C-alpha atoms as a PDB file:
ATOM      1  CA  MET A   1      32.681 175.085  21.705  1.00  0.00           C
ATOM      2  CA  ASP A   2      34.438 177.732  23.745  1.00  0.00           C
ATOM      3  CA  GLN A   3      33.171 177.794  27.347  1.00  0.00           C
ATOM      4  CA  ASN A   4      32.835 181.599  27.152  1.00  0.00           C
ATOM      5  CA  VAL A   5      30.411 181.499  24.231  1.00  0.00           C
ATOM      6  CA  THR A   6      26.946 182.789  25.117  1.00  0.00           C
ATOM      7  CA  LEU A   7      23.857 180.743  24.333  1.00  0.00           C
ATOM      8  CA  ASN A   8      22.935 183.256  21.612  1.00  0.00           C
ATOM      9  CA  LYS A   9      26.340 182.859  19.946  1.00  0.00           C
ATOM     10  CA  HIS A  10      26.234 179.071  20.311  1.00  0.00           C
ATOM     11  CA  VAL A  11      22.810 178.862  18.641  1.00  0.00           C
ATOM     12  CA  GLY A  12      23.870 181.349  15.963  1.00  0.00           C
ATOM     13  CA  LEU A  13      26.956 179.342  15.079  1.00  0.00           C
ATOM     14  CA  LYS A  14      24.918 176.131  14.896  1.00  0.00           C
ATOM     15  CA  ILE A  15      22.410 177.831  12.584  1.00  0.00           C
ATOM     16  CA  ARG A  16      25.182 179.229  10.368  1.00  0.00           C
ATOM     17  CA  ASN A  17      26.939 175.867  10.113  1.00  0.00           C
ATOM     18  CA  LEU A  18      23.730 174.007   9.266  1.00  0.00           C
ATOM     19  CA  ARG A  19      22.707 176.678   6.733  1.00  0.00           C
ATOM     20  CA  LYS A  20      26.101 176.454   5.016  1.00  0.00           C
ATOM     21  CA  GLU A  21      25.956 172.634   5.001  1.00  0.00           C
ATOM     22  CA  ARG A  22      22.734 173.032   3.009  1.00  0.00           C
ATOM     23  CA  ASN A  23      24.396 175.486   0.611  1.00  0.00           C
ATOM     24  CA  LEU A  24      21.908 178.234   1.416  1.00  0.00           C
ATOM     25  CA  SER A  25      22.809 181.915   1.303  1.00  0.00           C
ATOM     26  CA  GLN A  26      21.551 184.065   4.164  1.00  0.00           C
ATOM     27  CA  GLU A  27      19.076 185.615   1.756  1.00  0.00           C
ATOM     28  CA  ASP A  28      17.708 182.279   0.523  1.00  0.00           C
ATOM     29  CA  PHE A  29      17.543 180.946   4.061  1.00  0.00           C
ATOM     30  CA  ALA A  30      15.782 184.078   5.308  1.00  0.00           C
ATOM     31  CA  ASP A  31      13.206 183.710   2.532  1.00  0.00           C
ATOM     32  CA  LYS A  32      12.674 180.079   3.484  1.00  0.00           C
ATOM     33  CA  CYS A  33      12.105 181.139   7.110  1.00  0.00           C
ATOM     34  CA  GLY A  34       9.957 184.153   6.267  1.00  0.00           C
ATOM     35  CA  LEU A  35      12.460 186.424   8.023  1.00  0.00           C
ATOM     36  CA  HIS A  36      14.664 189.307   6.884  1.00  0.00           C
ATOM     37  CA  ARG A  37      18.246 188.620   5.739  1.00  0.00           C
ATOM     38  CA  THR A  38      19.734 191.120   8.184  1.00  0.00           C
ATOM     39  CA  TYR A  39      17.823 189.489  11.043  1.00  0.00           C
ATOM     40  CA  ILE A  40      19.272 186.076  10.133  1.00  0.00           C
ATOM     41  CA  GLY A  41      22.747 187.634  10.038  1.00  0.00           C
ATOM     42  CA  ALA A  42      22.264 189.120  13.502  1.00  0.00           C
ATOM     43  CA  VAL A  43      20.992 185.774  14.833  1.00  0.00           C
ATOM     44  CA  GLU A  44      24.011 183.963  13.377  1.00  0.00           C
ATOM     45  CA  ARG A  45      26.351 186.466  15.036  1.00  0.00           C
ATOM     46  CA  GLY A  46      24.577 185.963  18.380  1.00  0.00           C
ATOM     47  CA  GLU A  47      23.361 189.558  18.459  1.00  0.00           C
ATOM     48  CA  ARG A  48      19.644 188.766  18.747  1.00  0.00           C
ATOM     49  CA  ASN A  49      17.756 187.115  21.576  1.00  0.00           C
ATOM     50  CA  ILE A  50      15.303 185.104  19.503  1.00  0.00           C
ATOM     51  CA  THR A  51      11.961 183.752  20.652  1.00  0.00           C
ATOM     52  CA  LEU A  52      11.194 180.062  20.923  1.00  0.00           C
ATOM     53  CA  LYS A  53       8.763 180.443  18.027  1.00  0.00           C
ATOM     54  CA  THR A  54      11.516 181.889  15.814  1.00  0.00           C
ATOM     55  CA  LEU A  55      13.866 179.116  16.909  1.00  0.00           C
ATOM     56  CA  GLU A  56      11.185 176.608  15.905  1.00  0.00           C
ATOM     57  CA  THR A  57      10.741 178.311  12.505  1.00  0.00           C
ATOM     58  CA  ILE A  58      14.490 178.229  11.873  1.00  0.00           C
ATOM     59  CA  ALA A  59      14.744 174.584  12.940  1.00  0.00           C
ATOM     60  CA  GLU A  60      11.905 173.650  10.570  1.00  0.00           C
ATOM     61  CA  ALA A  61      13.625 175.471   7.693  1.00  0.00           C
ATOM     62  CA  LEU A  62      16.827 173.533   8.450  1.00  0.00           C
ATOM     63  CA  ASP A  63      14.878 170.268   8.865  1.00  0.00           C
ATOM     64  CA  VAL A  64      16.277 169.643  12.350  1.00  0.00           C
ATOM     65  CA  MET A  65      14.825 169.348  15.833  1.00  0.00           C
ATOM     66  CA  VAL A  66      14.973 172.503  17.963  1.00  0.00           C
ATOM     67  CA  GLY A  67      17.154 170.637  20.446  1.00  0.00           C
ATOM     68  CA  GLU A  68      19.865 170.191  17.824  1.00  0.00           C
ATOM     69  CA  LEU A  69      20.334 173.963  17.775  1.00  0.00           C
ATOM     70  CA  ILE A  70      21.014 174.165  21.500  1.00  0.00           C
ATOM     71  CA  ASN A  71      22.627 170.804  22.283  1.00  0.00           C
ATOM     72  CA  GLU A  72      26.183 170.726  23.586  1.00  0.00           C
ATOM     73  CA  TYR A  73      25.825 174.217  25.116  1.00  0.00           C
ATOM     74  CA  LYS A  74      27.555 174.569  28.465  1.00  0.00           C
ATOM     75  CA  LYS A  75      27.629 177.812  30.386  1.00  0.00           C
END
């Protein structure tokens, strides 16, 4: 990952990549998470500062540990 990528962008890209690996549209993934499609889009673009609870919800929907969404991040 680019060293200039913010934590929000890093997490968003990880979420997007994992969602696409599972062949889920943003809409289907948002439904699975109980969140709005536009919110998921903003998270994936790194535009939202999500809570730990939301990060946990997203990780559960992707069937990964929360740490997998933030690993390899370096400021």
